Amino acid sequence: MCGRYGIPLVGGHRALNDVIACWELFRKLEEEQPVDEFVNKLGYIRKFGPPAWSPPAAKLEPVELRYAR
């Protein structure tokens, strides 16, 4: 993704370098289309109910397992 968006990835797989690259990628994606609806969204498996530990600002979204047997 960094290559696609022209973000230099120097020293990849080092914690701080990966964080910087992710932040720059996030900024590029935000330029293309606002990402607000995806921030602070927490999916949980519907059959188990919402987690008791969810952060107060999180938007909880129930999901179904696609590949459950």
PDB file of N, CA and C in Angstrom:
ATOM      1  N   MET A   1       0.823  -1.179   0.000  1.00  0.00           N
ATOM      2  CA  MET A   1       0.000   0.000   0.000  1.00  0.00           C
ATOM      3  C   MET A   1       0.875   1.254   0.000  1.00  0.00           C
ATOM      4  N   CYS A   2       1.971   1.202   0.750  1.00  0.00           N
ATOM      5  CA  CYS A   2       2.845   2.373   0.785  1.00  0.00           C
ATOM      6  C   CYS A   2       3.401   2.661  -0.605  1.00  0.00           C
ATOM      7  N   GLY A   3       3.806   1.621  -1.318  1.00  0.00           N
ATOM      8  CA  GLY A   3       4.310   1.804  -2.667  1.00  0.00           C
ATOM      9  C   GLY A   3       3.257   2.385  -3.591  1.00  0.00           C
ATOM     10  N   ARG A   4       2.049   1.905  -3.481  1.00  0.00           N
ATOM     11  CA  ARG A   4       0.952   2.387  -4.318  1.00  0.00           C
ATOM     12  C   ARG A   4       0.690   3.873  -4.105  1.00  0.00           C
ATOM     13  N   TYR A   5       0.833   4.334  -2.863  1.00  0.00           N
ATOM     14  CA  TYR A   5       0.546   5.728  -2.544  1.00  0.00           C
ATOM     15  C   TYR A   5       1.798   6.595  -2.451  1.00  0.00           C
ATOM     16  N   GLY A   6       2.939   6.048  -2.853  1.00  0.00           N
ATOM     17  CA  GLY A   6       4.164   6.843  -2.886  1.00  0.00           C
ATOM     18  C   GLY A   6       4.689   7.221  -1.512  1.00  0.00           C
ATOM     19  N   ILE A   7       4.465   6.368  -0.541  1.00  0.00           N
ATOM     20  CA  ILE A   7       4.929   6.621   0.825  1.00  0.00           C
ATOM     21  C   ILE A   7       6.227   5.851   1.022  1.00  0.00           C
ATOM     22  N   PRO A   8       7.309   6.556   1.342  1.00  0.00           N
ATOM     23  CA  PRO A   8       8.572   5.846   1.552  1.00  0.00           C
ATOM     24  C   PRO A   8       8.500   4.973   2.801  1.00  0.00           C
ATOM     25  N   LEU A   9       8.924   3.739   2.667  1.00  0.00           N
ATOM     26  CA  LEU A   9       8.931   2.810   3.801  1.00  0.00           C
ATOM     27  C   LEU A   9      10.387   2.476   4.099  1.00  0.00           C
ATOM     28  N   VAL A  10      10.958   3.243   4.992  1.00  0.00           N
ATOM     29  CA  VAL A  10      12.363   3.070   5.362  1.00  0.00           C
ATOM     30  C   VAL A  10      12.415   2.261   6.648  1.00  0.00           C
ATOM     31  N   GLY A  11      13.159   1.175   6.631  1.00  0.00           N
ATOM     32  CA  GLY A  11      13.274   0.357   7.839  1.00  0.00           C
ATOM     33  C   GLY A  11      11.969  -0.310   8.225  1.00  0.00           C
ATOM     34  N   GLY A  12      11.268  -0.869   7.235  1.00  0.00           N
ATOM     35  CA  GLY A  12      10.004  -1.535   7.511  1.00  0.00           C
ATOM     36  C   GLY A  12      10.160  -2.649   8.533  1.00  0.00           C
ATOM     37  N   HIS A  13       9.107  -2.942   9.231  1.00  0.00           N
ATOM     38  CA  HIS A  13       9.040  -3.957  10.283  1.00  0.00           C
ATOM     39  C   HIS A  13       9.818  -3.548  11.531  1.00  0.00           C
ATOM     40  N   ARG A  14      10.068  -2.261  11.659  1.00  0.00           N
ATOM     41  CA  ARG A  14      10.554  -1.684  12.920  1.00  0.00           C
ATOM     42  C   ARG A  14       9.372  -0.891  13.455  1.00  0.00           C
ATOM     43  N   ALA A  15       9.083  -0.997  14.720  1.00  0.00           N
ATOM     44  CA  ALA A  15       7.835  -0.466  15.287  1.00  0.00           C
ATOM     45  C   ALA A  15       7.576   0.993  14.909  1.00  0.00           C
ATOM     46  N   LEU A  16       8.494   1.888  15.196  1.00  0.00           N
ATOM     47  CA  LEU A  16       8.247   3.302  14.933  1.00  0.00           C
ATOM     48  C   LEU A  16       8.117   3.575  13.438  1.00  0.00           C
ATOM     49  N   ASN A  17       8.942   2.942  12.623  1.00  0.00           N
ATOM     50  CA  ASN A  17       8.872   3.148  11.177  1.00  0.00           C
ATOM     51  C   ASN A  17       7.534   2.664  10.619  1.00  0.00           C
ATOM     52  N   ASP A  18       7.039   1.546  11.125  1.00  0.00           N
ATOM     53  CA  ASP A  18       5.742   1.035  10.683  1.00  0.00           C
ATOM     54  C   ASP A  18       4.606   1.966  11.107  1.00  0.00           C
ATOM     55  N   VAL A  19       4.705   2.524  12.307  1.00  0.00           N
ATOM     56  CA  VAL A  19       3.677   3.463  12.772  1.00  0.00           C
ATOM     57  C   VAL A  19       3.649   4.702  11.884  1.00  0.00           C
ATOM     58  N   ILE A  20       4.820   5.222  11.558  1.00  0.00           N
ATOM     59  CA  ILE A  20       4.894   6.415  10.696  1.00  0.00           C
ATOM     60  C   ILE A  20       4.307   6.109   9.324  1.00  0.00           C
ATOM     61  N   ALA A  21       4.655   4.960   8.756  1.00  0.00           N
ATOM     62  CA  ALA A  21       4.132   4.579   7.445  1.00  0.00           C
ATOM     63  C   ALA A  21       2.609   4.415   7.498  1.00  0.00           C
ATOM     64  N   CYS A  22       2.102   3.797   8.563  1.00  0.00           N
ATOM     65  CA  CYS A  22       0.644   3.622   8.700  1.00  0.00           C
ATOM     66  C   CYS A  22      -0.054   4.971   8.819  1.00  0.00           C
ATOM     67  N   TRP A  23       0.543   5.874   9.565  1.00  0.00           N
ATOM     68  CA  TRP A  23      -0.057   7.209   9.716  1.00  0.00           C
ATOM     69  C   TRP A  23      -0.105   7.925   8.364  1.00  0.00           C
ATOM     70  N   GLU A  24       0.979   7.876   7.613  1.00  0.00           N
ATOM     71  CA  GLU A  24       1.011   8.526   6.296  1.00  0.00           C
ATOM     72  C   GLU A  24       0.002   7.881   5.354  1.00  0.00           C
ATOM     73  N   LEU A  25      -0.129   6.571   5.421  1.00  0.00           N
ATOM     74  CA  LEU A  25      -1.118   5.871   4.597  1.00  0.00           C
ATOM     75  C   LEU A  25      -2.531   6.293   4.996  1.00  0.00           C
ATOM     76  N   PHE A  26      -2.786   6.381   6.277  1.00  0.00           N
ATOM     77  CA  PHE A  26      -4.088   6.829   6.767  1.00  0.00           C
ATOM     78  C   PHE A  26      -4.408   8.225   6.233  1.00  0.00           C
ATOM     79  N   ARG A  27      -3.429   9.112   6.245  1.00  0.00           N
ATOM     80  CA  ARG A  27      -3.641  10.478   5.743  1.00  0.00           C
ATOM     81  C   ARG A  27      -3.970  10.472   4.257  1.00  0.00           C
ATOM     82  N   LYS A  28      -3.278   9.643   3.485  1.00  0.00           N
ATOM     83  CA  LYS A  28      -3.557   9.552   2.040  1.00  0.00           C
ATOM     84  C   LYS A  28      -4.962   9.011   1.791  1.00  0.00           C
ATOM     85  N   LEU A  29      -5.358   7.995   2.540  1.00  0.00           N
ATOM     86  CA  LEU A  29      -6.689   7.435   2.374  1.00  0.00           C
ATOM     87  C   LEU A  29      -7.762   8.460   2.751  1.00  0.00           C
ATOM     88  N   GLU A  30      -7.498   9.233   3.785  1.00  0.00           N
ATOM     89  CA  GLU A  30      -8.429  10.281   4.208  1.00  0.00           C
ATOM     90  C   GLU A  30      -8.586  11.335   3.115  1.00  0.00           C
ATOM     91  N   GLU A  31      -7.517  11.622   2.371  1.00  0.00           N
ATOM     92  CA  GLU A  31      -7.597  12.580   1.258  1.00  0.00           C
ATOM     93  C   GLU A  31      -8.548  12.070   0.178  1.00  0.00           C
ATOM     94  N   GLU A  32      -8.509  10.771  -0.089  1.00  0.00           N
ATOM     95  CA  GLU A  32      -9.367  10.178  -1.123  1.00  0.00           C
ATOM     96  C   GLU A  32     -10.831  10.143  -0.703  1.00  0.00           C
ATOM     97  N   GLN A  33     -11.071   9.736   0.521  1.00  0.00           N
ATOM     98  CA  GLN A  33     -12.444   9.589   1.021  1.00  0.00           C
ATOM     99  C   GLN A  33     -12.391   9.655   2.542  1.00  0.00           C
ATOM    100  N   PRO A  34     -13.252  10.461   3.155  1.00  0.00           N
ATOM    101  CA  PRO A  34     -13.237  10.543   4.619  1.00  0.00           C
ATOM    102  C   PRO A  34     -13.399   9.163   5.267  1.00  0.00           C
ATOM    103  N   VAL A  35     -12.623   8.942   6.300  1.00  0.00           N
ATOM    104  CA  VAL A  35     -12.639   7.637   6.966  1.00  0.00           C
ATOM    105  C   VAL A  35     -13.332   7.695   8.321  1.00  0.00           C
ATOM    106  N   ASP A  36     -14.016   8.794   8.609  1.00  0.00           N
ATOM    107  CA  ASP A  36     -14.652   8.971   9.917  1.00  0.00           C
ATOM    108  C   ASP A  36     -15.575   7.827  10.303  1.00  0.00           C
ATOM    109  N   GLU A  37     -16.304   7.270   9.328  1.00  0.00           N
ATOM    110  CA  GLU A  37     -17.253   6.208   9.668  1.00  0.00           C
ATOM    111  C   GLU A  37     -16.555   4.919  10.093  1.00  0.00           C
ATOM    112  N   PHE A  38     -15.253   4.801   9.810  1.00  0.00           N
ATOM    113  CA  PHE A  38     -14.515   3.593  10.166  1.00  0.00           C
ATOM    114  C   PHE A  38     -13.698   3.737  11.443  1.00  0.00           C
ATOM    115  N   VAL A  39     -13.549   4.963  11.925  1.00  0.00           N
ATOM    116  CA  VAL A  39     -12.744   5.207  13.117  1.00  0.00           C
ATOM    117  C   VAL A  39     -13.598   4.953  14.353  1.00  0.00           C
ATOM    118  N   ASN A  40     -13.016   4.324  15.344  1.00  0.00           N
ATOM    119  CA  ASN A  40     -13.696   3.997  16.603  1.00  0.00           C
ATOM    120  C   ASN A  40     -14.878   3.053  16.395  1.00  0.00           C
ATOM    121  N   LYS A  41     -14.793   2.200  15.391  1.00  0.00           N
ATOM    122  CA  LYS A  41     -15.832   1.197  15.157  1.00  0.00           C
ATOM    123  C   LYS A  41     -15.315  -0.140  15.686  1.00  0.00           C
ATOM    124  N   LEU A  42     -16.142  -0.796  16.452  1.00  0.00           N
ATOM    125  CA  LEU A  42     -15.757  -2.066  17.050  1.00  0.00           C
ATOM    126  C   LEU A  42     -16.789  -3.120  16.672  1.00  0.00           C
ATOM    127  N   GLY A  43     -16.338  -4.098  15.890  1.00  0.00           N
ATOM    128  CA  GLY A  43     -17.231  -5.186  15.517  1.00  0.00           C
ATOM    129  C   GLY A  43     -17.177  -6.295  16.558  1.00  0.00           C
ATOM    130  N   TYR A  44     -18.303  -6.905  16.809  1.00  0.00           N
ATOM    131  CA  TYR A  44     -18.349  -8.033  17.737  1.00  0.00           C
ATOM    132  C   TYR A  44     -19.260  -9.102  17.150  1.00  0.00           C
ATOM    133  N   ILE A  45     -19.027 -10.348  17.543  1.00  0.00           N
ATOM    134  CA  ILE A  45     -19.824 -11.448  17.025  1.00  0.00           C
ATOM    135  C   ILE A  45     -21.194 -11.399  17.694  1.00  0.00           C
ATOM    136  N   ARG A  46     -22.202 -11.249  16.860  1.00  0.00           N
ATOM    137  CA  ARG A  46     -23.576 -11.026  17.321  1.00  0.00           C
ATOM    138  C   ARG A  46     -24.026 -12.063  18.361  1.00  0.00           C
ATOM    139  N   LYS A  47     -23.723 -13.340  18.113  1.00  0.00           N
ATOM    140  CA  LYS A  47     -24.246 -14.377  19.011  1.00  0.00           C
ATOM    141  C   LYS A  47     -23.675 -14.287  20.428  1.00  0.00           C
ATOM    142  N   PHE A  48     -22.536 -13.591  20.598  1.00  0.00           N
ATOM    143  CA  PHE A  48     -21.950 -13.434  21.926  1.00  0.00           C
ATOM    144  C   PHE A  48     -22.314 -12.107  22.581  1.00  0.00           C
ATOM    145  N   GLY A  49     -22.923 -11.214  21.834  1.00  0.00           N
ATOM    146  CA  GLY A  49     -23.312  -9.922  22.384  1.00  0.00           C
ATOM    147  C   GLY A  49     -22.137  -8.960  22.464  1.00  0.00           C
ATOM    148  N   PRO A  50     -22.412  -7.692  22.746  1.00  0.00           N
ATOM    149  CA  PRO A  50     -21.342  -6.702  22.797  1.00  0.00           C
ATOM    150  C   PRO A  50     -20.387  -6.976  23.954  1.00  0.00           C
ATOM    151  N   PRO A  51     -19.115  -6.671  23.768  1.00  0.00           N
ATOM    152  CA  PRO A  51     -18.141  -6.925  24.829  1.00  0.00           C
ATOM    153  C   PRO A  51     -18.345  -5.981  26.012  1.00  0.00           C
ATOM    154  N   ALA A  52     -18.080  -6.479  27.184  1.00  0.00           N
ATOM    155  CA  ALA A  52     -18.219  -5.663  28.399  1.00  0.00           C
ATOM    156  C   ALA A  52     -17.109  -4.623  28.483  1.00  0.00           C
ATOM    157  N   TRP A  53     -16.012  -4.816  27.797  1.00  0.00           N
ATOM    158  CA  TRP A  53     -14.845  -3.940  27.896  1.00  0.00           C
ATOM    159  C   TRP A  53     -14.809  -2.852  26.832  1.00  0.00           C
ATOM    160  N   SER A  54     -15.833  -2.671  26.050  1.00  0.00           N
ATOM    161  CA  SER A  54     -15.769  -1.728  24.922  1.00  0.00           C
ATOM    162  C   SER A  54     -15.549  -0.285  25.395  1.00  0.00           C
ATOM    163  N   PRO A  55     -14.700   0.450  24.678  1.00  0.00           N
ATOM    164  CA  PRO A  55     -14.447   1.850  25.026  1.00  0.00           C
ATOM    165  C   PRO A  55     -15.719   2.682  24.864  1.00  0.00           C
ATOM    166  N   PRO A  56     -15.910   3.692  25.689  1.00  0.00           N
ATOM    167  CA  PRO A  56     -17.134   4.499  25.628  1.00  0.00           C
ATOM    168  C   PRO A  56     -17.363   5.173  24.271  1.00  0.00           C
ATOM    169  N   ALA A  57     -16.287   5.553  23.575  1.00  0.00           N
ATOM    170  CA  ALA A  57     -16.436   6.266  22.301  1.00  0.00           C
ATOM    171  C   ALA A  57     -16.656   5.333  21.112  1.00  0.00           C
ATOM    172  N   ALA A  58     -16.538   4.032  21.325  1.00  0.00           N
ATOM    173  CA  ALA A  58     -16.643   3.078  20.219  1.00  0.00           C
ATOM    174  C   ALA A  58     -18.079   2.938  19.723  1.00  0.00           C
ATOM    175  N   LYS A  59     -18.199   2.846  18.398  1.00  0.00           N
ATOM    176  CA  LYS A  59     -19.482   2.519  17.777  1.00  0.00           C
ATOM    177  C   LYS A  59     -19.509   1.001  17.639  1.00  0.00           C
ATOM    178  N   LEU A  60     -20.398   0.356  18.348  1.00  0.00           N
ATOM    179  CA  LEU A  60     -20.459  -1.104  18.327  1.00  0.00           C
ATOM    180  C   LEU A  60     -21.283  -1.582  17.138  1.00  0.00           C
ATOM    181  N   GLU A  61     -20.745  -2.578  16.450  1.00  0.00           N
ATOM    182  CA  GLU A  61     -21.426  -3.110  15.275  1.00  0.00           C
ATOM    183  C   GLU A  61     -21.432  -4.629  15.321  1.00  0.00           C
ATOM    184  N   PRO A  62     -22.617  -5.236  15.422  1.00  0.00           N
ATOM    185  CA  PRO A  62     -22.667  -6.700  15.437  1.00  0.00           C
ATOM    186  C   PRO A  62     -22.363  -7.258  14.053  1.00  0.00           C
ATOM    187  N   VAL A  63     -21.607  -8.360  14.016  1.00  0.00           N
ATOM    188  CA  VAL A  63     -21.269  -9.015  12.758  1.00  0.00           C
ATOM    189  C   VAL A  63     -21.587 -10.503  12.864  1.00  0.00           C
ATOM    190  N   GLU A  64     -21.783 -11.110  11.718  1.00  0.00           N
ATOM    191  CA  GLU A  64     -21.995 -12.556  11.641  1.00  0.00           C
ATOM    192  C   GLU A  64     -20.710 -13.193  11.120  1.00  0.00           C
ATOM    193  N   LEU A  65     -20.411 -14.395  11.586  1.00  0.00           N
ATOM    194  CA  LEU A  65     -19.281 -15.131  11.047  1.00  0.00           C
ATOM    195  C   LEU A  65     -19.649 -15.678   9.672  1.00  0.00           C
ATOM    196  N   ARG A  66     -18.847 -15.376   8.686  1.00  0.00           N
ATOM    197  CA  ARG A  66     -19.153 -15.846   7.327  1.00  0.00           C
ATOM    198  C   ARG A  66     -18.829 -17.313   7.135  1.00  0.00           C
ATOM    199  N   TYR A  67     -17.793 -17.770   7.815  1.00  0.00           N
ATOM    200  CA  TYR A  67     -17.294 -19.113   7.537  1.00  0.00           C
ATOM    201  C   TYR A  67     -17.522 -20.064   8.699  1.00  0.00           C
ATOM    202  N   ALA A  68     -18.480 -19.746   9.562  1.00  0.00           N
ATOM    203  CA  ALA A  68     -18.760 -20.617  10.706  1.00  0.00           C
ATOM    204  C   ALA A  68     -19.365 -21.935  10.210  1.00  0.00           C
ATOM    205  N   ARG A  69     -19.047 -22.981  10.905  1.00  0.00           N
ATOM    206  CA  ARG A  69     -19.584 -24.301  10.524  1.00  0.00           C
ATOM    207  C   ARG A  69     -20.677 -24.692  11.440  1.00  0.00           C
TER     208      ARG A  69
END
